[in-house]
């Protein structure tokens, strides 16, 4: 044993000194305690302070988790609205015929939270239209997402056969089908 170690001094002293030395050796006593009192555990104030600190930490943790979940839900709403707007514009492009004006509607099954509003306007360039699709909340009418683009309506070229001559002209899809040569 080293001279002056707590274990050696505890062997020389009384039982309370041995207990205090053993507690100091094990790291159980806090500074400021007298050696005669020994190690008796935590005081009531220490327990209350630790409970308050733990409570504040748990409240902060639950608030953080709640904020993260809300942000995730908002991101999901935005992503769905963006996909619906892009899908609506793709549908207009595939149909090939753009009608100037405004329309509203529902996206379909599974998207009851949303409604769409589209606006089609002519531009200065022939067959070029400005299209805006707005996705809104069906319950509040609040705008969630707006997508604007330009769509080109390709001129429909018809091939007409009359008395052996070929001519090209502009027409609708119905006129193309009606004027198609019989096979």
N, C-alpha and C. Protein backbone atom coordinates (compact mmCIF):
# COMPACT_ATOMS: atom_id res chain seq x y z
N UNK A 1 0.83 -1.18 0.00
CA UNK A 1 0.00 0.00 0.00
C UNK A 1 0.87 1.23 0.00
N UNK A 2 0.34 2.26 -0.66
CA UNK A 2 1.09 3.52 -0.69
C UNK A 2 0.81 4.28 0.60
N UNK A 3 1.80 4.94 1.09
CA UNK A 3 1.56 5.73 2.29
C UNK A 3 0.63 6.90 1.97
N UNK A 4 -0.32 7.16 2.83
CA UNK A 4 -1.25 8.27 2.68
C UNK A 4 -2.44 7.94 1.80
N UNK A 5 -2.55 6.69 1.34
CA UNK A 5 -3.69 6.34 0.49
C UNK A 5 -4.94 6.27 1.38
N UNK A 6 -6.12 6.44 0.82
CA UNK A 6 -7.34 6.42 1.64
C UNK A 6 -7.54 5.10 2.36
N UNK A 7 -7.12 4.01 1.74
CA UNK A 7 -7.31 2.72 2.38
C UNK A 7 -6.43 2.62 3.63
N UNK A 8 -5.16 3.11 3.53
CA UNK A 8 -4.26 3.04 4.68
C UNK A 8 -4.77 3.93 5.81
N UNK A 9 -5.23 5.15 5.46
CA UNK A 9 -5.70 6.03 6.52
C UNK A 9 -7.00 5.50 7.12
N UNK A 10 -7.79 4.78 6.36
CA UNK A 10 -9.02 4.20 6.88
C UNK A 10 -8.71 3.09 7.88
N UNK A 11 -7.59 2.39 7.71
CA UNK A 11 -7.24 1.32 8.63
C UNK A 11 -6.84 1.90 9.98
N UNK A 12 -6.30 3.10 9.94
CA UNK A 12 -5.85 3.70 11.18
C UNK A 12 -6.99 4.37 11.94
N UNK A 13 -8.06 4.77 11.28
CA UNK A 13 -9.10 5.57 11.91
C UNK A 13 -10.28 4.74 12.38
N UNK A 14 -11.32 5.48 12.71
CA UNK A 14 -12.55 4.86 13.20
C UNK A 14 -13.36 4.28 12.07
N UNK A 15 -14.52 3.71 12.40
CA UNK A 15 -15.38 3.08 11.41
C UNK A 15 -15.95 4.11 10.45
N UNK A 16 -16.33 5.29 10.94
CA UNK A 16 -16.89 6.31 10.04
C UNK A 16 -15.83 6.83 9.09
N UNK A 17 -14.58 6.91 9.55
CA UNK A 17 -13.51 7.34 8.65
C UNK A 17 -13.25 6.28 7.59
N UNK A 18 -13.33 5.00 8.00
CA UNK A 18 -13.14 3.93 7.01
C UNK A 18 -14.25 3.97 5.97
N UNK A 19 -15.48 4.23 6.41
CA UNK A 19 -16.61 4.30 5.46
C UNK A 19 -16.43 5.47 4.50
N UNK A 20 -16.05 6.60 5.01
CA UNK A 20 -15.84 7.79 4.16
C UNK A 20 -14.69 7.54 3.19
N UNK A 21 -13.63 6.89 3.66
CA UNK A 21 -12.49 6.61 2.78
C UNK A 21 -12.89 5.63 1.68
N UNK A 22 -13.69 4.63 2.03
CA UNK A 22 -14.14 3.67 1.03
C UNK A 22 -15.02 4.36 0.00
N UNK A 23 -15.88 5.25 0.45
CA UNK A 23 -16.74 5.98 -0.49
C UNK A 23 -15.91 6.86 -1.40
N UNK A 24 -14.92 7.56 -0.84
CA UNK A 24 -14.07 8.41 -1.69
C UNK A 24 -13.29 7.56 -2.67
N UNK A 25 -12.84 6.40 -2.25
CA UNK A 25 -12.08 5.52 -3.12
C UNK A 25 -12.95 5.05 -4.29
N UNK A 26 -14.20 4.75 -4.02
CA UNK A 26 -15.10 4.29 -5.07
C UNK A 26 -15.70 5.45 -5.86
N UNK A 27 -15.44 6.68 -5.47
CA UNK A 27 -15.94 7.84 -6.18
C UNK A 27 -17.38 8.16 -5.88
N UNK A 28 -17.87 7.73 -4.73
CA UNK A 28 -19.28 7.94 -4.42
C UNK A 28 -19.53 9.24 -3.68
N UNK A 29 -18.56 9.77 -3.03
CA UNK A 29 -18.77 11.00 -2.28
C UNK A 29 -18.52 12.20 -3.17
N UNK A 30 -19.28 13.24 -2.92
CA UNK A 30 -19.10 14.47 -3.67
C UNK A 30 -18.27 15.43 -2.83
N UNK A 31 -17.69 16.38 -3.51
CA UNK A 31 -16.86 17.35 -2.80
C UNK A 31 -17.73 18.15 -1.84
N UNK A 32 -17.17 18.55 -0.75
CA UNK A 32 -17.90 19.35 0.22
C UNK A 32 -18.49 18.55 1.36
N UNK A 33 -18.53 17.27 1.26
CA UNK A 33 -19.06 16.45 2.35
C UNK A 33 -17.94 16.24 3.37
N UNK A 34 -18.34 16.29 4.55
CA UNK A 34 -17.35 16.03 5.59
C UNK A 34 -17.13 14.54 5.71
N UNK A 35 -15.94 14.16 6.05
CA UNK A 35 -15.61 12.74 6.13
C UNK A 35 -16.42 12.05 7.22
N UNK A 36 -16.83 12.75 8.24
CA UNK A 36 -17.55 12.13 9.34
C UNK A 36 -18.97 11.72 8.98
N UNK A 37 -19.62 12.40 7.96
CA UNK A 37 -21.00 12.08 7.61
C UNK A 37 -21.10 10.83 6.76
N UNK A 38 -20.08 10.51 5.99
CA UNK A 38 -20.14 9.33 5.13
C UNK A 38 -20.93 9.61 3.86
N UNK A 39 -21.14 8.60 3.06
CA UNK A 39 -21.87 8.72 1.80
C UNK A 39 -23.29 8.22 2.02
N UNK A 40 -24.25 9.10 1.81
CA UNK A 40 -25.62 8.71 2.07
C UNK A 40 -26.50 8.76 0.83
N UNK A 41 -26.01 9.09 -0.39
CA UNK A 41 -26.83 9.14 -1.60
C UNK A 41 -27.12 10.57 -2.02
N UNK A 42 -28.19 10.76 -2.80
CA UNK A 42 -28.52 12.05 -3.37
C UNK A 42 -29.50 12.79 -2.47
N UNK A 43 -29.39 14.11 -2.47
CA UNK A 43 -30.33 14.91 -1.70
C UNK A 43 -31.60 15.12 -2.53
N UNK A 44 -32.65 15.59 -1.89
CA UNK A 44 -33.93 15.82 -2.56
C UNK A 44 -33.81 16.87 -3.65
N UNK A 45 -33.06 17.92 -3.41
CA UNK A 45 -32.88 18.98 -4.41
C UNK A 45 -32.15 18.43 -5.64
N UNK A 46 -31.17 17.61 -5.44
CA UNK A 46 -30.45 17.02 -6.57
C UNK A 46 -31.37 16.15 -7.41
N UNK A 47 -32.23 15.40 -6.78
CA UNK A 47 -33.18 14.56 -7.50
C UNK A 47 -34.17 15.43 -8.28
N UNK A 48 -34.69 16.47 -7.64
CA UNK A 48 -35.65 17.35 -8.31
C UNK A 48 -35.02 18.06 -9.51
N UNK A 49 -33.82 18.55 -9.35
CA UNK A 49 -33.13 19.22 -10.45
C UNK A 49 -32.91 18.25 -11.62
N UNK A 50 -32.51 17.04 -11.32
CA UNK A 50 -32.29 16.08 -12.40
C UNK A 50 -33.60 15.70 -13.09
N UNK A 51 -34.70 15.63 -12.34
CA UNK A 51 -36.01 15.35 -12.96
C UNK A 51 -36.44 16.50 -13.86
N UNK A 52 -36.22 17.73 -13.41
CA UNK A 52 -36.57 18.90 -14.23
C UNK A 52 -35.75 18.92 -15.51
N UNK A 53 -34.46 18.66 -15.40
CA UNK A 53 -33.61 18.64 -16.59
C UNK A 53 -34.05 17.54 -17.56
N UNK A 54 -34.36 16.39 -17.03
CA UNK A 54 -34.85 15.29 -17.86
C UNK A 54 -36.19 15.64 -18.51
N UNK A 55 -37.08 16.29 -17.76
CA UNK A 55 -38.37 16.70 -18.31
C UNK A 55 -38.23 17.71 -19.44
N UNK A 56 -37.37 18.70 -19.26
CA UNK A 56 -37.14 19.69 -20.31
C UNK A 56 -36.56 19.02 -21.55
N UNK A 57 -35.65 18.10 -21.35
CA UNK A 57 -35.08 17.37 -22.49
C UNK A 57 -36.11 16.55 -23.24
N UNK A 58 -37.01 15.88 -22.52
CA UNK A 58 -38.06 15.09 -23.17
C UNK A 58 -39.06 15.96 -23.92
N UNK A 59 -39.40 17.12 -23.34
CA UNK A 59 -40.32 18.03 -24.04
C UNK A 59 -39.67 18.52 -25.33
N UNK A 60 -38.40 18.88 -25.28
CA UNK A 60 -37.69 19.30 -26.48
C UNK A 60 -37.63 18.20 -27.52
N UNK A 61 -37.40 16.98 -27.08
CA UNK A 61 -37.34 15.84 -28.00
C UNK A 61 -38.68 15.60 -28.68
N UNK A 62 -39.78 15.64 -27.92
CA UNK A 62 -41.09 15.42 -28.52
C UNK A 62 -41.48 16.55 -29.47
N UNK A 63 -41.12 17.79 -29.14
CA UNK A 63 -41.38 18.91 -30.05
C UNK A 63 -40.59 18.75 -31.34
N UNK A 64 -39.37 18.31 -31.23
CA UNK A 64 -38.55 18.08 -32.43
C UNK A 64 -39.12 16.99 -33.32
N UNK A 65 -39.57 15.92 -32.72
CA UNK A 65 -40.17 14.82 -33.50
C UNK A 65 -41.47 15.29 -34.16
N UNK A 66 -42.28 16.05 -33.44
CA UNK A 66 -43.53 16.56 -34.00
C UNK A 66 -43.26 17.49 -35.18
N UNK A 67 -42.29 18.36 -35.04
CA UNK A 67 -41.95 19.27 -36.15
C UNK A 67 -41.44 18.49 -37.36
N UNK A 68 -40.66 17.46 -37.13
CA UNK A 68 -40.15 16.65 -38.24
C UNK A 68 -41.29 15.91 -38.95
N UNK A 69 -42.24 15.40 -38.20
CA UNK A 69 -43.39 14.71 -38.82
C UNK A 69 -44.26 15.68 -39.62
N UNK A 70 -44.48 16.88 -39.09
CA UNK A 70 -45.25 17.88 -39.83
C UNK A 70 -44.55 18.29 -41.12
N UNK A 71 -43.24 18.47 -41.05
CA UNK A 71 -42.49 18.82 -42.26
C UNK A 71 -42.54 17.70 -43.28
N UNK A 72 -42.50 16.46 -42.82
CA UNK A 72 -42.59 15.31 -43.71
C UNK A 72 -43.95 15.26 -44.40
N UNK A 73 -45.00 15.54 -43.66
CA UNK A 73 -46.36 15.53 -44.22
C UNK A 73 -46.52 16.64 -45.26
N UNK A 74 -45.99 17.82 -44.97
CA UNK A 74 -46.06 18.94 -45.91
C UNK A 74 -45.27 18.63 -47.18
N UNK A 75 -44.15 17.97 -47.03
CA UNK A 75 -43.35 17.57 -48.19
C UNK A 75 -44.12 16.57 -49.04
N UNK A 76 -44.81 15.65 -48.40
CA UNK A 76 -45.61 14.67 -49.15
C UNK A 76 -46.72 15.37 -49.93
N UNK A 77 -47.40 16.35 -49.31
CA UNK A 77 -48.46 17.10 -49.99
C UNK A 77 -47.89 17.84 -51.21
N UNK A 78 -46.74 18.47 -51.03
CA UNK A 78 -46.12 19.21 -52.13
C UNK A 78 -45.71 18.28 -53.27
N UNK A 79 -45.14 17.14 -52.93
CA UNK A 79 -44.70 16.19 -53.96
C UNK A 79 -45.89 15.64 -54.75
N UNK A 80 -46.97 15.28 -54.06
CA UNK A 80 -48.17 14.79 -54.74
C UNK A 80 -48.77 15.87 -55.63
N UNK A 81 -48.80 17.10 -55.14
CA UNK A 81 -49.35 18.20 -55.93
C UNK A 81 -48.51 18.45 -57.18
N UNK A 82 -47.20 18.36 -57.05
CA UNK A 82 -46.32 18.55 -58.22
C UNK A 82 -46.56 17.46 -59.25
N UNK A 83 -46.71 16.23 -58.80
CA UNK A 83 -46.97 15.13 -59.73
C UNK A 83 -48.33 15.28 -60.41
N UNK A 84 -49.33 15.73 -59.67
CA UNK A 84 -50.66 15.93 -60.26
C UNK A 84 -50.63 17.05 -61.30
N UNK A 85 -49.93 18.14 -61.02
CA UNK A 85 -49.85 19.25 -61.97
C UNK A 85 -49.11 18.83 -63.23
N UNK A 86 -47.99 18.12 -63.06
CA UNK A 86 -47.24 17.64 -64.23
C UNK A 86 -48.07 16.65 -65.04
N UNK A 87 -48.82 15.80 -64.37
CA UNK A 87 -49.68 14.84 -65.06
C UNK A 87 -50.78 15.53 -65.84
N UNK A 88 -51.34 16.60 -65.26
CA UNK A 88 -52.40 17.34 -65.96
C UNK A 88 -51.85 18.00 -67.22
N UNK A 89 -50.66 18.57 -67.14
CA UNK A 89 -50.05 19.20 -68.31
C UNK A 89 -49.71 18.15 -69.36
N UNK A 90 -49.22 16.99 -68.93
CA UNK A 90 -48.94 15.91 -69.88
C UNK A 90 -50.21 15.45 -70.59
N UNK A 91 -51.30 15.39 -69.85
CA UNK A 91 -52.58 15.00 -70.46
C UNK A 91 -52.99 16.01 -71.52
N UNK A 92 -52.80 17.29 -71.24
CA UNK A 92 -53.13 18.32 -72.23
C UNK A 92 -52.25 18.17 -73.47
N UNK A 93 -50.97 17.89 -73.27
CA UNK A 93 -50.06 17.73 -74.39
C UNK A 93 -50.38 16.51 -75.24
N UNK A 94 -50.79 15.44 -74.61
CA UNK A 94 -51.11 14.21 -75.33
C UNK A 94 -52.41 14.36 -76.12
N UNK A 95 -53.38 15.05 -75.55
CA UNK A 95 -54.64 15.25 -76.25
C UNK A 95 -54.44 16.01 -77.56
N UNK A 96 -53.46 16.89 -77.58
CA UNK A 96 -53.12 17.57 -78.83
C UNK A 96 -53.97 18.77 -79.16
N UNK A 97 -55.10 18.94 -78.53
CA UNK A 97 -55.96 20.08 -78.82
C UNK A 97 -56.10 20.91 -77.56
N UNK A 98 -55.66 22.16 -77.62
CA UNK A 98 -55.72 23.03 -76.46
C UNK A 98 -56.85 24.03 -76.66
N UNK A 99 -57.73 24.11 -75.68
CA UNK A 99 -58.87 25.01 -75.74
C UNK A 99 -58.62 26.16 -74.77
N UNK A 100 -58.63 27.38 -75.29
CA UNK A 100 -58.37 28.57 -74.49
C UNK A 100 -59.48 28.72 -73.44
N UNK A 101 -59.08 29.03 -72.22
CA UNK A 101 -60.04 29.24 -71.14
C UNK A 101 -59.57 28.61 -69.85
N UNK A 102 -60.48 28.59 -68.88
CA UNK A 102 -60.18 28.01 -67.57
C UNK A 102 -61.09 26.83 -67.31
N UNK A 103 -60.54 25.83 -66.65
CA UNK A 103 -61.30 24.65 -66.25
C UNK A 103 -60.88 24.27 -64.84
N UNK A 104 -61.78 23.59 -64.14
CA UNK A 104 -61.47 23.05 -62.81
C UNK A 104 -61.93 21.60 -62.77
N UNK A 105 -61.37 20.87 -61.83
CA UNK A 105 -61.78 19.48 -61.70
C UNK A 105 -61.09 18.79 -60.54
N UNK A 106 -61.43 17.54 -60.37
CA UNK A 106 -60.84 16.68 -59.33
C UNK A 106 -59.86 15.72 -60.00
N UNK A 107 -58.72 15.45 -59.37
CA UNK A 107 -57.73 14.56 -59.97
C UNK A 107 -58.17 13.11 -60.10
N UNK A 108 -59.05 12.63 -59.28
CA UNK A 108 -59.48 11.24 -59.37
C UNK A 108 -59.39 10.54 -58.03
N UNK A 109 -59.58 9.22 -58.07
CA UNK A 109 -59.58 8.42 -56.85
C UNK A 109 -58.23 8.48 -56.14
N UNK A 110 -58.28 8.51 -54.84
CA UNK A 110 -57.07 8.52 -54.04
C UNK A 110 -56.50 9.91 -53.84
N UNK A 111 -57.06 10.91 -54.51
CA UNK A 111 -56.55 12.28 -54.38
C UNK A 111 -57.69 13.23 -54.01
N UNK A 112 -58.52 12.82 -53.09
CA UNK A 112 -59.68 13.62 -52.71
C UNK A 112 -59.27 14.90 -51.98
N UNK A 113 -58.05 14.99 -51.52
CA UNK A 113 -57.58 16.19 -50.84
C UNK A 113 -57.30 17.34 -51.79
N UNK A 114 -57.23 17.04 -53.09
CA UNK A 114 -56.79 18.02 -54.07
C UNK A 114 -57.88 18.34 -55.08
N UNK A 115 -57.75 19.51 -55.68
CA UNK A 115 -58.52 19.88 -56.85
C UNK A 115 -57.59 20.68 -57.75
N UNK A 116 -57.84 20.66 -59.05
CA UNK A 116 -56.98 21.37 -59.97
C UNK A 116 -57.74 22.47 -60.68
N UNK A 117 -56.99 23.47 -61.11
CA UNK A 117 -57.53 24.57 -61.90
C UNK A 117 -56.51 24.83 -63.00
N UNK A 118 -56.97 24.82 -64.24
CA UNK A 118 -56.04 25.06 -65.35
C UNK A 118 -56.48 26.29 -66.12
N UNK A 119 -55.49 26.99 -66.65
CA UNK A 119 -55.74 28.18 -67.45
C UNK A 119 -54.90 28.06 -68.71
N UNK A 120 -55.55 28.21 -69.86
CA UNK A 120 -54.85 28.14 -71.15
C UNK A 120 -55.08 29.46 -71.87
N UNK A 121 -53.99 30.12 -72.27
CA UNK A 121 -54.05 31.40 -72.97
C UNK A 121 -53.18 31.33 -74.21
N UNK A 122 -53.62 32.02 -75.26
CA UNK A 122 -52.82 32.12 -76.49
C UNK A 122 -51.66 33.08 -76.24
N UNK A 123 -50.58 32.85 -76.94
CA UNK A 123 -49.44 33.77 -76.93
C UNK A 123 -49.40 34.48 -78.28
N UNK A 124 -48.42 35.34 -78.48
CA UNK A 124 -48.27 36.06 -79.74
C UNK A 124 -47.84 35.14 -80.87
N UNK A 125 -47.27 34.00 -80.54
CA UNK A 125 -46.80 33.05 -81.54
C UNK A 125 -47.92 32.07 -81.85
N UNK A 126 -48.14 31.84 -83.14
CA UNK A 126 -49.21 30.95 -83.55
C UNK A 126 -48.98 29.53 -83.02
N UNK A 127 -50.02 28.92 -82.52
CA UNK A 127 -50.03 27.55 -81.99
C UNK A 127 -49.22 27.38 -80.71
N UNK A 128 -48.82 28.47 -80.06
CA UNK A 128 -48.10 28.39 -78.79
C UNK A 128 -49.02 28.94 -77.70
N UNK A 129 -49.20 28.14 -76.65
CA UNK A 129 -50.13 28.50 -75.58
C UNK A 129 -49.40 28.50 -74.24
N UNK A 130 -49.82 29.43 -73.40
CA UNK A 130 -49.31 29.45 -72.02
C UNK A 130 -50.30 28.69 -71.16
N UNK A 131 -49.80 27.67 -70.46
CA UNK A 131 -50.65 26.80 -69.65
C UNK A 131 -50.21 26.92 -68.20
N UNK A 132 -51.19 27.14 -67.32
CA UNK A 132 -50.91 27.18 -65.88
C UNK A 132 -51.87 26.20 -65.21
N UNK A 133 -51.29 25.30 -64.43
CA UNK A 133 -52.09 24.34 -63.66
C UNK A 133 -51.81 24.59 -62.19
N UNK A 134 -52.88 24.85 -61.45
CA UNK A 134 -52.77 25.11 -60.02
C UNK A 134 -53.45 23.97 -59.27
N UNK A 135 -52.74 23.41 -58.31
CA UNK A 135 -53.30 22.37 -57.45
C UNK A 135 -53.63 23.03 -56.12
N UNK A 136 -54.87 22.83 -55.68
CA UNK A 136 -55.36 23.45 -54.46
C UNK A 136 -55.86 22.39 -53.49
N UNK A 137 -55.96 22.77 -52.24
CA UNK A 137 -56.57 21.90 -51.22
C UNK A 137 -58.07 21.94 -51.44
N UNK A 138 -58.69 20.77 -51.54
CA UNK A 138 -60.13 20.74 -51.78
C UNK A 138 -60.93 21.20 -50.56
N UNK A 139 -60.36 21.12 -49.38
CA UNK A 139 -61.09 21.53 -48.18
C UNK A 139 -61.00 23.04 -47.94
N UNK A 140 -59.82 23.63 -48.13
CA UNK A 140 -59.66 25.06 -47.83
C UNK A 140 -59.56 25.93 -49.08
N UNK A 141 -59.27 25.33 -50.22
CA UNK A 141 -59.09 26.12 -51.44
C UNK A 141 -57.73 26.79 -51.51
N UNK A 142 -56.87 26.51 -50.56
CA UNK A 142 -55.54 27.11 -50.50
C UNK A 142 -54.65 26.50 -51.59
N UNK A 143 -53.90 27.36 -52.28
CA UNK A 143 -53.01 26.89 -53.34
C UNK A 143 -51.85 26.11 -52.72
N UNK A 144 -51.62 24.91 -53.26
CA UNK A 144 -50.52 24.07 -52.79
C UNK A 144 -49.35 24.15 -53.76
N UNK A 145 -49.65 24.12 -55.06
CA UNK A 145 -48.60 24.07 -56.07
C UNK A 145 -49.11 24.69 -57.36
N UNK A 146 -48.25 25.40 -58.07
CA UNK A 146 -48.62 25.97 -59.35
C UNK A 146 -47.50 25.68 -60.35
N UNK A 147 -47.90 25.18 -61.51
CA UNK A 147 -46.95 24.85 -62.57
C UNK A 147 -47.36 25.59 -63.83
N UNK A 148 -46.41 26.34 -64.39
CA UNK A 148 -46.66 27.10 -65.62
C UNK A 148 -45.70 26.63 -66.69
N UNK A 149 -46.21 26.54 -67.90
CA UNK A 149 -45.36 26.12 -69.02
C UNK A 149 -45.95 26.63 -70.32
N UNK A 150 -45.22 26.44 -71.38
CA UNK A 150 -45.70 26.74 -72.72
C UNK A 150 -45.88 25.43 -73.46
N UNK A 151 -47.02 25.30 -74.13
CA UNK A 151 -47.27 24.10 -74.93
C UNK A 151 -47.49 24.52 -76.38
N UNK A 152 -46.93 23.74 -77.26
CA UNK A 152 -47.08 23.98 -78.69
C UNK A 152 -48.10 23.00 -79.24
N UNK A 153 -49.09 23.54 -79.91
CA UNK A 153 -50.09 22.69 -80.55
C UNK A 153 -49.64 22.52 -82.01
N UNK A 154 -49.20 21.35 -82.33
CA UNK A 154 -48.69 21.10 -83.68
C UNK A 154 -49.83 21.22 -84.68
N UNK A 155 -49.56 21.88 -85.79
CA UNK A 155 -50.61 21.97 -86.81
C UNK A 155 -50.88 20.58 -87.37
N UNK A 156 -52.13 20.30 -87.59
CA UNK A 156 -52.51 19.01 -88.13
C UNK A 156 -52.48 19.10 -89.64
N UNK A 157 -51.67 18.29 -90.23
CA UNK A 157 -51.51 18.28 -91.68
C UNK A 157 -52.35 17.15 -92.23
N UNK A 158 -53.18 17.48 -93.21
CA UNK A 158 -54.01 16.44 -93.83
C UNK A 158 -53.52 16.19 -95.24
N UNK A 159 -53.65 15.00 -95.65
CA UNK A 159 -53.31 14.62 -97.01
C UNK A 159 -54.62 14.35 -97.75
N UNK A 160 -54.93 15.17 -98.69
CA UNK A 160 -56.17 15.01 -99.43
C UNK A 160 -55.85 14.52 -100.83
N UNK A 161 -56.54 13.52 -101.25
CA UNK A 161 -56.37 13.00 -102.61
C UNK A 161 -57.62 13.38 -103.39
N UNK A 162 -57.43 14.16 -104.40
CA UNK A 162 -58.57 14.46 -105.26
C UNK A 162 -58.10 14.45 -106.71
N UNK A 163 -58.66 13.57 -107.52
CA UNK A 163 -58.35 13.41 -108.93
C UNK A 163 -56.86 13.27 -109.19
N UNK A 164 -56.22 12.51 -108.33
CA UNK A 164 -54.82 12.20 -108.55
C UNK A 164 -53.84 13.26 -108.09
N UNK A 165 -54.34 14.37 -107.58
CA UNK A 165 -53.41 15.39 -107.10
C UNK A 165 -53.33 15.33 -105.58
N UNK A 166 -52.20 15.73 -105.06
CA UNK A 166 -51.95 15.67 -103.62
C UNK A 166 -51.89 17.10 -103.11
N UNK A 167 -52.64 17.38 -102.05
CA UNK A 167 -52.57 18.72 -101.44
C UNK A 167 -52.47 18.56 -99.93
N UNK A 168 -51.80 19.51 -99.33
CA UNK A 168 -51.67 19.51 -97.87
C UNK A 168 -52.45 20.67 -97.31
N UNK A 169 -53.06 20.42 -96.18
CA UNK A 169 -53.83 21.49 -95.55
C UNK A 169 -53.91 21.27 -94.06
N UNK A 170 -54.50 22.22 -93.40
CA UNK A 170 -54.63 22.14 -91.95
C UNK A 170 -56.06 21.75 -91.62
N UNK A 171 -56.23 20.87 -90.66
CA UNK A 171 -57.58 20.45 -90.29
C UNK A 171 -57.59 19.83 -88.92
N UNK A 172 -58.73 19.32 -88.55
CA UNK A 172 -58.85 18.67 -87.25
C UNK A 172 -58.68 17.17 -87.43
N UNK A 173 -58.60 16.48 -86.32
CA UNK A 173 -58.44 15.04 -86.35
C UNK A 173 -59.65 14.38 -87.02
N UNK A 174 -60.83 14.94 -86.80
CA UNK A 174 -62.02 14.37 -87.44
C UNK A 174 -61.95 14.50 -88.95
N UNK A 175 -61.42 15.64 -89.43
CA UNK A 175 -61.33 15.81 -90.89
C UNK A 175 -60.28 14.88 -91.48
N UNK A 176 -59.25 14.56 -90.72
CA UNK A 176 -58.22 13.63 -91.21
C UNK A 176 -58.84 12.25 -91.38
N UNK A 177 -59.59 11.83 -90.38
CA UNK A 177 -60.21 10.50 -90.44
C UNK A 177 -61.24 10.45 -91.58
N UNK A 178 -62.01 11.53 -91.74
CA UNK A 178 -63.04 11.54 -92.78
C UNK A 178 -62.44 11.57 -94.18
N UNK A 179 -61.25 12.22 -94.31
CA UNK A 179 -60.68 12.35 -95.64
C UNK A 179 -59.68 11.24 -95.97
N UNK A 180 -59.48 10.30 -95.08
CA UNK A 180 -58.52 9.24 -95.34
C UNK A 180 -59.02 8.37 -96.49
N UNK A 181 -58.11 8.03 -97.40
CA UNK A 181 -58.54 7.21 -98.54
C UNK A 181 -58.95 5.82 -98.07
N UNK A 182 -59.97 5.31 -98.71
CA UNK A 182 -60.45 3.96 -98.39
C UNK A 182 -59.48 2.94 -98.90
N UNK A 183 -59.32 1.87 -98.20
CA UNK A 183 -58.35 0.86 -98.61
C UNK A 183 -59.01 -0.35 -99.16
